[in-house]
Amino acid sequence: YNVSRDTGLSSFANVVNGGKKDFNGVQLRRINFTYDYDISESFTTRF
């Protein structure tokens, strides 16, 4: 919940968390799915 913003500078960039005052909601900032596979003792991979 963005409880405070400078409403007089609507174009002010790069504020914390983005969004205007009173903007609120549920957000998923990251979901990672990782697969590691060892080809041999010398070679390993990650996707």
All heavy atoms as atom14 arrays in JSON, in Angstrom:
{
  "sequence": "YNVSRDTGLSSFANVVNGGKKDFNGVQLRRINFTYDYDISESFTTRF",
  "atom14_mask": [
    [1, 1, 1, 1, 1, 1, 1, 1, 1, 1, 1, 1, 0, 0],
    [1, 1, 1, 1, 1, 1, 1, 1, 0, 0, 0, 0, 0, 0],
    [1, 1, 1, 1, 1, 1, 1, 0, 0, 0, 0, 0, 0, 0],
    [1, 1, 1, 1, 1, 1, 0, 0, 0, 0, 0, 0, 0, 0],
    [1, 1, 1, 1, 1, 1, 1, 1, 1, 1, 1, 0, 0, 0],
    [1, 1, 1, 1, 1, 1, 1, 1, 0, 0, 0, 0, 0, 0],
    [1, 1, 1, 1, 1, 1, 1, 0, 0, 0, 0, 0, 0, 0],
    [1, 1, 1, 1, 0, 0, 0, 0, 0, 0, 0, 0, 0, 0],
    [1, 1, 1, 1, 1, 1, 1, 1, 0, 0, 0, 0, 0, 0],
    [1, 1, 1, 1, 1, 1, 0, 0, 0, 0, 0, 0, 0, 0],
    [1, 1, 1, 1, 1, 1, 0, 0, 0, 0, 0, 0, 0, 0],
    [1, 1, 1, 1, 1, 1, 1, 1, 1, 1, 1, 0, 0, 0],
    [1, 1, 1, 1, 1, 0, 0, 0, 0, 0, 0, 0, 0, 0],
    [1, 1, 1, 1, 1, 1, 1, 1, 0, 0, 0, 0, 0, 0],
    [1, 1, 1, 1, 1, 1, 1, 0, 0, 0, 0, 0, 0, 0],
    [1, 1, 1, 1, 1, 1, 1, 0, 0, 0, 0, 0, 0, 0],
    [1, 1, 1, 1, 1, 1, 1, 1, 0, 0, 0, 0, 0, 0],
    [1, 1, 1, 1, 0, 0, 0, 0, 0, 0, 0, 0, 0, 0],
    [1, 1, 1, 1, 0, 0, 0, 0, 0, 0, 0, 0, 0, 0],
    [1, 1, 1, 1, 1, 1, 1, 1, 1, 0, 0, 0, 0, 0],
    [1, 1, 1, 1, 1, 1, 1, 1, 1, 0, 0, 0, 0, 0],
    [1, 1, 1, 1, 1, 1, 1, 1, 0, 0, 0, 0, 0, 0],
    [1, 1, 1, 1, 1, 1, 1, 1, 1, 1, 1, 0, 0, 0],
    [1, 1, 1, 1, 1, 1, 1, 1, 0, 0, 0, 0, 0, 0],
    [1, 1, 1, 1, 0, 0, 0, 0, 0, 0, 0, 0, 0, 0],
    [1, 1, 1, 1, 1, 1, 1, 0, 0, 0, 0, 0, 0, 0],
    [1, 1, 1, 1, 1, 1, 1, 1, 1, 0, 0, 0, 0, 0],
    [1, 1, 1, 1, 1, 1, 1, 1, 0, 0, 0, 0, 0, 0],
    [1, 1, 1, 1, 1, 1, 1, 1, 1, 1, 1, 0, 0, 0],
    [1, 1, 1, 1, 1, 1, 1, 1, 1, 1, 1, 0, 0, 0],
    [1, 1, 1, 1, 1, 1, 1, 1, 0, 0, 0, 0, 0, 0],
    [1, 1, 1, 1, 1, 1, 1, 1, 0, 0, 0, 0, 0, 0],
    [1, 1, 1, 1, 1, 1, 1, 1, 1, 1, 1, 0, 0, 0],
    [1, 1, 1, 1, 1, 1, 1, 0, 0, 0, 0, 0, 0, 0],
    [1, 1, 1, 1, 1, 1, 1, 1, 1, 1, 1, 1, 0, 0],
    [1, 1, 1, 1, 1, 1, 1, 1, 0, 0, 0, 0, 0, 0],
    [1, 1, 1, 1, 1, 1, 1, 1, 1, 1, 1, 1, 0, 0],
    [1, 1, 1, 1, 1, 1, 1, 1, 0, 0, 0, 0, 0, 0],
    [1, 1, 1, 1, 1, 1, 1, 1, 0, 0, 0, 0, 0, 0],
    [1, 1, 1, 1, 1, 1, 0, 0, 0, 0, 0, 0, 0, 0],
    [1, 1, 1, 1, 1, 1, 1, 1, 1, 0, 0, 0, 0, 0],
    [1, 1, 1, 1, 1, 1, 0, 0, 0, 0, 0, 0, 0, 0],
    [1, 1, 1, 1, 1, 1, 1, 1, 1, 1, 1, 0, 0, 0],
    [1, 1, 1, 1, 1, 1, 1, 0, 0, 0, 0, 0, 0, 0],
    [1, 1, 1, 1, 1, 1, 1, 0, 0, 0, 0, 0, 0, 0],
    [1, 1, 1, 1, 1, 1, 1, 1, 1, 1, 1, 0, 0, 0],
    [1, 1, 1, 1, 1, 1, 1, 1, 1, 1, 1, 0, 0, 0]
  ],
  "atom14_positions": [
    [[0.86, -1.2, 0.0], [0.0, 0.0, 0.0], [0.89, 1.24, 0.0], [1.68, 1.44, 0.93], [-0.92, 0.01, 1.22], [-2.06, 1.0, 1.11], [-3.35, 0.57, 0.87], [-1.83, 2.37, 1.24], [-4.41, 1.46, 0.75], [-2.87, 3.28, 1.13], [-4.17, 2.82, 0.87], [-5.2, 3.72, 0.76], [0.0, 0.0, 0.0], [0.0, 0.0, 0.0]],
    [[0.76, 2.06, -1.04], [1.55, 3.3, -1.12], [0.84, 4.39, -0.31], [-0.05, 5.07, -0.8], [1.7, 3.74, -2.57], [2.52, 2.79, -3.41], [3.28, 1.98, -2.88], [2.37, 2.85, -4.72], [0.0, 0.0, 0.0], [0.0, 0.0, 0.0], [0.0, 0.0, 0.0], [0.0, 0.0, 0.0], [0.0, 0.0, 0.0], [0.0, 0.0, 0.0]],
    [[1.26, 4.55, 0.92], [0.57, 5.49, 1.8], [1.03, 6.93, 1.59], [0.33, 7.87, 1.98], [0.76, 5.11, 3.29], [0.19, 3.73, 3.57], [2.22, 5.19, 3.71], [0.0, 0.0, 0.0], [0.0, 0.0, 0.0], [0.0, 0.0, 0.0], [0.0, 0.0, 0.0], [0.0, 0.0, 0.0], [0.0, 0.0, 0.0], [0.0, 0.0, 0.0]],
    [[2.2, 7.13, 0.96], [2.69, 8.49, 0.76], [3.43, 8.59, -0.56], [4.23, 7.72, -0.91], [3.63, 8.9, 1.91], [4.19, 10.18, 1.69], [0.0, 0.0, 0.0], [0.0, 0.0, 0.0], [0.0, 0.0, 0.0], [0.0, 0.0, 0.0], [0.0, 0.0, 0.0], [0.0, 0.0, 0.0], [0.0, 0.0, 0.0], [0.0, 0.0, 0.0]],
    [[3.12, 9.66, -1.31], [3.82, 10.03, -2.53], [3.77, 11.55, -2.64], [2.91, 12.2, -2.04], [3.17, 9.42, -3.78], [3.36, 7.92, -3.93], [4.81, 7.57, -4.2], [4.99, 6.19, -4.55], [5.18, 5.2, -3.68], [5.19, 5.47, -2.38], [5.36, 3.95, -4.08], [0.0, 0.0, 0.0], [0.0, 0.0, 0.0], [0.0, 0.0, 0.0]],
    [[4.65, 12.13, -3.44], [4.59, 13.55, -3.71], [3.61, 13.76, -4.85], [3.95, 13.57, -6.02], [5.97, 14.11, -4.05], [6.01, 15.62, -3.98], [5.17, 16.25, -4.67], [6.83, 16.17, -3.24], [0.0, 0.0, 0.0], [0.0, 0.0, 0.0], [0.0, 0.0, 0.0], [0.0, 0.0, 0.0], [0.0, 0.0, 0.0], [0.0, 0.0, 0.0]],
    [[2.38, 14.14, -4.53], [1.34, 14.25, -5.55], [1.56, 15.41, -6.49], [0.98, 15.45, -7.58], [-0.04, 14.39, -4.88], [-0.01, 15.54, -4.0], [-0.38, 13.16, -4.06], [0.0, 0.0, 0.0], [0.0, 0.0, 0.0], [0.0, 0.0, 0.0], [0.0, 0.0, 0.0], [0.0, 0.0, 0.0], [0.0, 0.0, 0.0], [0.0, 0.0, 0.0]],
    [[2.42, 16.37, -6.12], [2.68, 17.51, -7.0], [3.69, 17.2, -8.08], [3.91, 18.02, -8.97], [0.0, 0.0, 0.0], [0.0, 0.0, 0.0], [0.0, 0.0, 0.0], [0.0, 0.0, 0.0], [0.0, 0.0, 0.0], [0.0, 0.0, 0.0], [0.0, 0.0, 0.0], [0.0, 0.0, 0.0], [0.0, 0.0, 0.0], [0.0, 0.0, 0.0]],
    [[4.33, 16.03, -8.02], [5.33, 15.65, -9.03], [4.93, 14.3, -9.62], [5.54, 13.28, -9.35], [6.72, 15.57, -8.4], [7.36, 16.91, -7.99], [8.66, 16.67, -7.25], [7.6, 17.77, -9.2], [0.0, 0.0, 0.0], [0.0, 0.0, 0.0], [0.0, 0.0, 0.0], [0.0, 0.0, 0.0], [0.0, 0.0, 0.0], [0.0, 0.0, 0.0]],
    [[3.9, 14.33, -10.42], [3.37, 13.07, -10.95], [4.36, 12.38, -11.88], [4.29, 11.17, -12.08], [2.06, 13.34, -11.71], [2.27, 14.27, -12.75], [0.0, 0.0, 0.0], [0.0, 0.0, 0.0], [0.0, 0.0, 0.0], [0.0, 0.0, 0.0], [0.0, 0.0, 0.0], [0.0, 0.0, 0.0], [0.0, 0.0, 0.0], [0.0, 0.0, 0.0]],
    [[5.29, 13.17, -12.47], [6.24, 12.57, -13.4], [7.56, 12.19, -12.74], [8.48, 11.74, -13.4], [6.54, 13.57, -14.53], [7.14, 14.75, -14.02], [0.0, 0.0, 0.0], [0.0, 0.0, 0.0], [0.0, 0.0, 0.0], [0.0, 0.0, 0.0], [0.0, 0.0, 0.0], [0.0, 0.0, 0.0], [0.0, 0.0, 0.0], [0.0, 0.0, 0.0]],
    [[7.65, 12.36, -11.4], [8.9, 12.05, -10.72], [9.2, 10.57, -10.85], [8.41, 9.72, -10.45], [8.82, 12.45, -9.25], [10.14, 12.39, -8.53], [11.1, 13.36, -8.75], [10.42, 11.36, -7.67], [12.31, 13.31, -8.1], [11.64, 11.3, -7.02], [12.59, 12.28, -7.24], [0.0, 0.0, 0.0], [0.0, 0.0, 0.0], [0.0, 0.0, 0.0]],
    [[10.37, 10.24, -11.43], [10.67, 8.86, -11.81], [11.41, 8.11, -10.71], [12.04, 8.71, -9.85], [11.5, 8.85, -13.09], [0.0, 0.0, 0.0], [0.0, 0.0, 0.0], [0.0, 0.0, 0.0], [0.0, 0.0, 0.0], [0.0, 0.0, 0.0], [0.0, 0.0, 0.0], [0.0, 0.0, 0.0], [0.0, 0.0, 0.0], [0.0, 0.0, 0.0]],
    [[11.31, 6.79, -10.77], [12.14, 5.91, -9.96], [11.84, 6.0, -8.47], [12.71, 5.84, -7.63], [13.64, 6.2, -10.21], [14.51, 5.02, -9.81], [14.05, 3.89, -9.74], [15.76, 5.3, -9.53], [0.0, 0.0, 0.0], [0.0, 0.0, 0.0], [0.0, 0.0, 0.0], [0.0, 0.0, 0.0], [0.0, 0.0, 0.0], [0.0, 0.0, 0.0]],
    [[10.6, 6.28, -8.11], [10.24, 6.26, -6.7], [10.16, 4.82, -6.22], [10.01, 3.89, -7.0], [8.9, 6.97, -6.43], [8.99, 8.43, -6.81], [7.76, 6.3, -7.16], [0.0, 0.0, 0.0], [0.0, 0.0, 0.0], [0.0, 0.0, 0.0], [0.0, 0.0, 0.0], [0.0, 0.0, 0.0], [0.0, 0.0, 0.0], [0.0, 0.0, 0.0]],
    [[10.29, 4.66, -4.92], [10.27, 3.33, -4.34], [8.97, 2.61, -4.69], [7.88, 3.16, -4.6], [10.47, 3.42, -2.82], [9.39, 4.25, -2.17], [10.48, 2.05, -2.19], [0.0, 0.0, 0.0], [0.0, 0.0, 0.0], [0.0, 0.0, 0.0], [0.0, 0.0, 0.0], [0.0, 0.0, 0.0], [0.0, 0.0, 0.0], [0.0, 0.0, 0.0]],
    [[9.11, 1.39, -5.15], [7.98, 0.5, -5.42], [7.08, 0.94, -6.56], [6.2, 0.2, -6.98], [7.12, 0.31, -4.16], [6.36, -1.01, -4.18], [6.96, -2.07, -4.24], [5.04, -0.95, -4.16], [0.0, 0.0, 0.0], [0.0, 0.0, 0.0], [0.0, 0.0, 0.0], [0.0, 0.0, 0.0], [0.0, 0.0, 0.0], [0.0, 0.0, 0.0]],
    [[7.28, 2.14, -7.1], [6.45, 2.61, -8.2], [5.02, 2.89, -7.78], [4.59, 2.58, -6.67], [0.0, 0.0, 0.0], [0.0, 0.0, 0.0], [0.0, 0.0, 0.0], [0.0, 0.0, 0.0], [0.0, 0.0, 0.0], [0.0, 0.0, 0.0], [0.0, 0.0, 0.0], [0.0, 0.0, 0.0], [0.0, 0.0, 0.0], [0.0, 0.0, 0.0]],
    [[4.25, 3.5, -8.66], [2.85, 3.73, -8.39], [2.55, 5.0, -7.63], [3.39, 5.54, -6.93], [0.0, 0.0, 0.0], [0.0, 0.0, 0.0], [0.0, 0.0, 0.0], [0.0, 0.0, 0.0], [0.0, 0.0, 0.0], [0.0, 0.0, 0.0], [0.0, 0.0, 0.0], [0.0, 0.0, 0.0], [0.0, 0.0, 0.0], [0.0, 0.0, 0.0]],
    [[1.32, 5.47, -7.74], [0.88, 6.7, -7.11], [0.44, 6.46, -5.67], [0.35, 5.31, -5.21], [-0.26, 7.32, -7.92], [0.12, 7.7, -9.33], [-1.06, 8.31, -10.07], [-0.69, 8.71, -11.49], [-1.83, 9.3, -12.23], [0.0, 0.0, 0.0], [0.0, 0.0, 0.0], [0.0, 0.0, 0.0], [0.0, 0.0, 0.0], [0.0, 0.0, 0.0]],
    [[0.13, 7.54, -4.99], [-0.38, 7.45, -3.62], [-1.7, 6.68, -3.62], [-2.53, 6.82, -4.53], [-0.58, 8.85, -3.05], [-1.05, 8.86, -1.6], [-1.19, 10.28, -1.08], [-1.66, 10.27, 0.37], [-1.82, 11.65, 0.91], [0.0, 0.0, 0.0], [0.0, 0.0, 0.0], [0.0, 0.0, 0.0], [0.0, 0.0, 0.0], [0.0, 0.0, 0.0]],
    [[-1.87, 5.86, -2.61], [-3.06, 5.02, -2.39], [-3.13, 3.82, -3.35], [-4.04, 3.01, -3.23], [-4.36, 5.82, -2.47], [-4.5, 6.82, -1.34], [-4.01, 6.52, -0.24], [-5.07, 7.9, -1.57], [0.0, 0.0, 0.0], [0.0, 0.0, 0.0], [0.0, 0.0, 0.0], [0.0, 0.0, 0.0], [0.0, 0.0, 0.0], [0.0, 0.0, 0.0]],
    [[-2.18, 3.71, -4.27], [-2.13, 2.51, -5.1], [-1.78, 1.33, -4.2], [-0.87, 1.41, -3.38], [-1.07, 2.7, -6.19], [-0.91, 1.52, -7.09], [-1.97, 0.99, -7.8], [0.34, 0.93, -7.26], [-1.81, -0.1, -8.64], [0.52, -0.15, -8.1], [-0.57, -0.67, -8.79], [0.0, 0.0, 0.0], [0.0, 0.0, 0.0], [0.0, 0.0, 0.0]],
    [[-2.51, 0.22, -4.35], [-2.26, -0.94, -3.5], [-2.7, -2.2, -4.23], [-3.44, -2.14, -5.21], [-2.98, -0.8, -2.16], [-4.49, -0.86, -2.31], [-5.11, -1.91, -2.2], [-5.11, 0.3, -2.58], [0.0, 0.0, 0.0], [0.0, 0.0, 0.0], [0.0, 0.0, 0.0], [0.0, 0.0, 0.0], [0.0, 0.0, 0.0], [0.0, 0.0, 0.0]],
    [[-2.24, -3.33, -3.73], [-2.63, -4.59, -4.34], [-1.7, -5.72, -3.98], [-0.77, -5.56, -3.19], [0.0, 0.0, 0.0], [0.0, 0.0, 0.0], [0.0, 0.0, 0.0], [0.0, 0.0, 0.0], [0.0, 0.0, 0.0], [0.0, 0.0, 0.0], [0.0, 0.0, 0.0], [0.0, 0.0, 0.0], [0.0, 0.0, 0.0], [0.0, 0.0, 0.0]],
    [[-1.93, -6.86, -4.61], [-1.08, -8.04, -4.45], [-0.19, -8.14, -5.67], [-0.66, -7.99, -6.81], [-1.93, -9.31, -4.29], [-1.04, -10.54, -4.22], [-2.8, -9.22, -3.04], [0.0, 0.0, 0.0], [0.0, 0.0, 0.0], [0.0, 0.0, 0.0], [0.0, 0.0, 0.0], [0.0, 0.0, 0.0], [0.0, 0.0, 0.0], [0.0, 0.0, 0.0]],
    [[1.1, -8.35, -5.46], [2.03, -8.48, -6.57], [2.93, -9.69, -6.39], [3.3, -10.03, -5.26], [2.88, -7.21, -6.73], [3.73, -6.88, -5.52], [4.52, -5.6, -5.69], [4.5, -4.97, -6.75], [5.25, -5.2, -4.65], [0.0, 0.0, 0.0], [0.0, 0.0, 0.0], [0.0, 0.0, 0.0], [0.0, 0.0, 0.0], [0.0, 0.0, 0.0]],
    [[3.25, -10.34, -7.5], [4.25, -11.4, -7.53], [5.5, -10.82, -8.16], [5.54, -10.6, -9.38], [3.75, -12.61, -8.32], [2.6, -13.39, -7.69], [2.14, -14.5, -8.64], [3.02, -13.99, -6.36], [0.0, 0.0, 0.0], [0.0, 0.0, 0.0], [0.0, 0.0, 0.0], [0.0, 0.0, 0.0], [0.0, 0.0, 0.0], [0.0, 0.0, 0.0]],
    [[6.51, -10.55, -7.36], [7.72, -9.92, -7.89], [8.66, -10.92, -8.55], [9.48, -10.55, -9.38], [8.44, -9.16, -6.78], [7.73, -7.87, -6.39], [8.51, -7.06, -5.38], [8.47, -7.66, -4.05], [9.53, -8.06, -3.38], [10.73, -7.98, -3.9], [9.4, -8.57, -2.16], [0.0, 0.0, 0.0], [0.0, 0.0, 0.0], [0.0, 0.0, 0.0]],
    [[8.56, -12.18, -8.17], [9.46, -13.16, -8.79], [8.97, -14.58, -8.54], [8.56, -14.94, -7.44], [10.88, -13.03, -8.25], [11.86, -14.05, -8.82], [13.25, -13.49, -8.87], [13.31, -12.28, -9.65], [14.4, -11.51, -9.75], [15.5, -11.83, -9.12], [14.38, -10.42, -10.49], [0.0, 0.0, 0.0], [0.0, 0.0, 0.0], [0.0, 0.0, 0.0]],
    [[9.03, -15.4, -9.61], [8.82, -16.84, -9.52], [9.92, -17.49, -10.34], [10.04, -17.24, -11.54], [7.45, -17.28, -10.06], [6.31, -16.49, -9.39], [7.25, -18.78, -9.85], [4.96, -16.72, -10.04], [0.0, 0.0, 0.0], [0.0, 0.0, 0.0], [0.0, 0.0, 0.0], [0.0, 0.0, 0.0], [0.0, 0.0, 0.0], [0.0, 0.0, 0.0]],
    [[10.74, -18.29, -9.71], [11.84, -18.99, -10.4], [11.59, -20.49, -10.42], [11.17, -21.07, -9.41], [13.17, -18.74, -9.68], [13.79, -17.4, -10.04], [13.46, -16.82, -11.07], [14.67, -16.91, -9.19], [0.0, 0.0, 0.0], [0.0, 0.0, 0.0], [0.0, 0.0, 0.0], [0.0, 0.0, 0.0], [0.0, 0.0, 0.0], [0.0, 0.0, 0.0]],
    [[11.85, -21.08, -11.57], [11.86, -22.54, -11.66], [13.19, -22.96, -12.26], [13.52, -22.55, -13.39], [10.7, -23.06, -12.53], [10.63, -24.56, -12.58], [10.04, -25.26, -11.55], [11.18, -25.26, -13.64], [9.98, -26.65, -11.58], [11.13, -26.65, -13.68], [10.53, -27.34, -12.65], [0.0, 0.0, 0.0], [0.0, 0.0, 0.0], [0.0, 0.0, 0.0]],
    [[13.95, -23.76, -11.52], [15.33, -24.07, -11.89], [15.51, -25.58, -12.05], [15.04, -26.36, -11.22], [16.3, -23.56, -10.81], [16.08, -22.17, -10.6], [17.75, -23.78, -11.23], [0.0, 0.0, 0.0], [0.0, 0.0, 0.0], [0.0, 0.0, 0.0], [0.0, 0.0, 0.0], [0.0, 0.0, 0.0], [0.0, 0.0, 0.0], [0.0, 0.0, 0.0]],
    [[16.2, -25.96, -13.12], [16.55, -27.36, -13.34], [18.05, -27.47, -13.51], [18.64, -26.88, -14.43], [15.85, -27.91, -14.59], [16.19, -29.35, -14.89], [15.73, -30.37, -14.05], [16.96, -29.7, -15.99], [16.04, -31.7, -14.32], [17.27, -31.03, -16.27], [16.81, -32.02, -15.42], [17.11, -33.33, -15.68], [0.0, 0.0, 0.0], [0.0, 0.0, 0.0]],
    [[18.7, -28.18, -12.59], [20.14, -28.45, -12.66], [20.36, -29.9, -13.07], [19.68, -30.8, -12.56], [20.8, -28.2, -11.3], [20.79, -26.74, -10.9], [20.84, -25.88, -11.81], [20.74, -26.45, -9.7], [0.0, 0.0, 0.0], [0.0, 0.0, 0.0], [0.0, 0.0, 0.0], [0.0, 0.0, 0.0], [0.0, 0.0, 0.0], [0.0, 0.0, 0.0]],
    [[21.32, -30.1, -13.97], [21.61, -31.46, -14.42], [23.12, -31.64, -14.54], [23.8, -30.85, -15.21], [20.95, -31.74, -15.77], [21.25, -33.12, -16.32], [20.73, -34.25, -15.7], [22.07, -33.29, -17.43], [21.01, -35.52, -16.17], [22.36, -34.56, -17.92], [21.82, -35.67, -17.28], [22.11, -36.92, -17.76], [0.0, 0.0, 0.0], [0.0, 0.0, 0.0]],
    [[23.64, -32.69, -13.89], [25.06, -33.03, -13.98], [25.25, -34.02, -15.12], [24.8, -35.17, -15.05], [25.55, -33.65, -12.67], [25.54, -32.65, -11.52], [25.69, -31.45, -11.79], [25.38, -33.09, -10.36], [0.0, 0.0, 0.0], [0.0, 0.0, 0.0], [0.0, 0.0, 0.0], [0.0, 0.0, 0.0], [0.0, 0.0, 0.0], [0.0, 0.0, 0.0]],
    [[25.9, -33.56, -16.18], [26.18, -34.43, -17.31], [27.21, -35.49, -16.92], [27.08, -36.66, -17.27], [26.69, -33.6, -18.51], [25.6, -32.62, -18.96], [27.13, -34.5, -19.66], [26.04, -31.65, -20.04], [0.0, 0.0, 0.0], [0.0, 0.0, 0.0], [0.0, 0.0, 0.0], [0.0, 0.0, 0.0], [0.0, 0.0, 0.0], [0.0, 0.0, 0.0]],
    [[28.24, -35.03, -16.19], [29.29, -35.92, -15.71], [29.96, -35.23, -14.54], [29.51, -34.19, -14.07], [30.3, -36.2, -16.83], [30.99, -35.01, -17.19], [0.0, 0.0, 0.0], [0.0, 0.0, 0.0], [0.0, 0.0, 0.0], [0.0, 0.0, 0.0], [0.0, 0.0, 0.0], [0.0, 0.0, 0.0], [0.0, 0.0, 0.0], [0.0, 0.0, 0.0]],
    [[31.06, -35.78, -14.07], [31.8, -35.14, -13.0], [32.41, -33.81, -13.45], [32.64, -32.92, -12.63], [32.92, -36.06, -12.49], [32.42, -37.29, -11.74], [33.56, -38.11, -11.17], [34.73, -37.71, -11.39], [33.29, -39.13, -10.53], [0.0, 0.0, 0.0], [0.0, 0.0, 0.0], [0.0, 0.0, 0.0], [0.0, 0.0, 0.0], [0.0, 0.0, 0.0]],
    [[32.63, -33.67, -14.72], [33.27, -32.46, -15.25], [32.29, -31.42, -15.77], [32.63, -30.23, -15.81], [34.25, -32.82, -16.38], [35.3, -33.64, -15.9], [0.0, 0.0, 0.0], [0.0, 0.0, 0.0], [0.0, 0.0, 0.0], [0.0, 0.0, 0.0], [0.0, 0.0, 0.0], [0.0, 0.0, 0.0], [0.0, 0.0, 0.0], [0.0, 0.0, 0.0]],
    [[31.09, -31.85, -16.18], [30.16, -30.92, -16.82], [28.83, -30.89, -16.07], [28.25, -31.95, -15.78], [29.92, -31.32, -18.28], [31.13, -31.15, -19.15], [31.97, -32.23, -19.39], [31.43, -29.92, -19.72], [33.09, -32.08, -20.19], [32.54, -29.77, -20.52], [33.39, -30.84, -20.76], [0.0, 0.0, 0.0], [0.0, 0.0, 0.0], [0.0, 0.0, 0.0]],
    [[28.36, -29.68, -15.81], [27.06, -29.5, -15.19], [26.33, -28.38, -15.91], [26.96, -27.52, -16.56], [27.19, -29.18, -13.69], [25.9, -29.17, -13.08], [27.86, -27.82, -13.47], [0.0, 0.0, 0.0], [0.0, 0.0, 0.0], [0.0, 0.0, 0.0], [0.0, 0.0, 0.0], [0.0, 0.0, 0.0], [0.0, 0.0, 0.0], [0.0, 0.0, 0.0]],
    [[25.02, -28.39, -15.84], [24.21, -27.39, -16.54], [23.15, -26.82, -15.62], [22.76, -27.45, -14.63], [23.51, -28.0, -17.77], [22.59, -29.01, -17.31], [24.51, -28.62, -18.72], [0.0, 0.0, 0.0], [0.0, 0.0, 0.0], [0.0, 0.0, 0.0], [0.0, 0.0, 0.0], [0.0, 0.0, 0.0], [0.0, 0.0, 0.0], [0.0, 0.0, 0.0]],
    [[22.67, -25.65, -15.96], [21.53, -25.05, -15.28], [20.61, -24.41, -16.3], [21.06, -23.72, -17.22], [21.96, -24.0, -14.26], [20.8, -23.13, -13.75], [21.14, -22.32, -12.52], [21.24, -23.19, -11.36], [21.38, -22.73, -10.11], [21.46, -21.44, -9.87], [21.46, -23.59, -9.1], [0.0, 0.0, 0.0], [0.0, 0.0, 0.0], [0.0, 0.0, 0.0]],
    [[19.3, -24.64, -16.13], [18.27, -23.97, -16.93], [17.25, -23.39, -15.96], [16.69, -24.12, -15.14], [17.6, -24.96, -17.88], [16.52, -24.34, -18.71], [16.83, -23.46, -19.73], [15.19, -24.64, -18.47], [15.84, -22.88, -20.5], [14.18, -24.06, -19.23], [14.5, -23.18, -20.25], [0.0, 0.0, 0.0], [0.0, 0.0, 0.0], [0.0, 0.0, 0.0]]
  ]
}
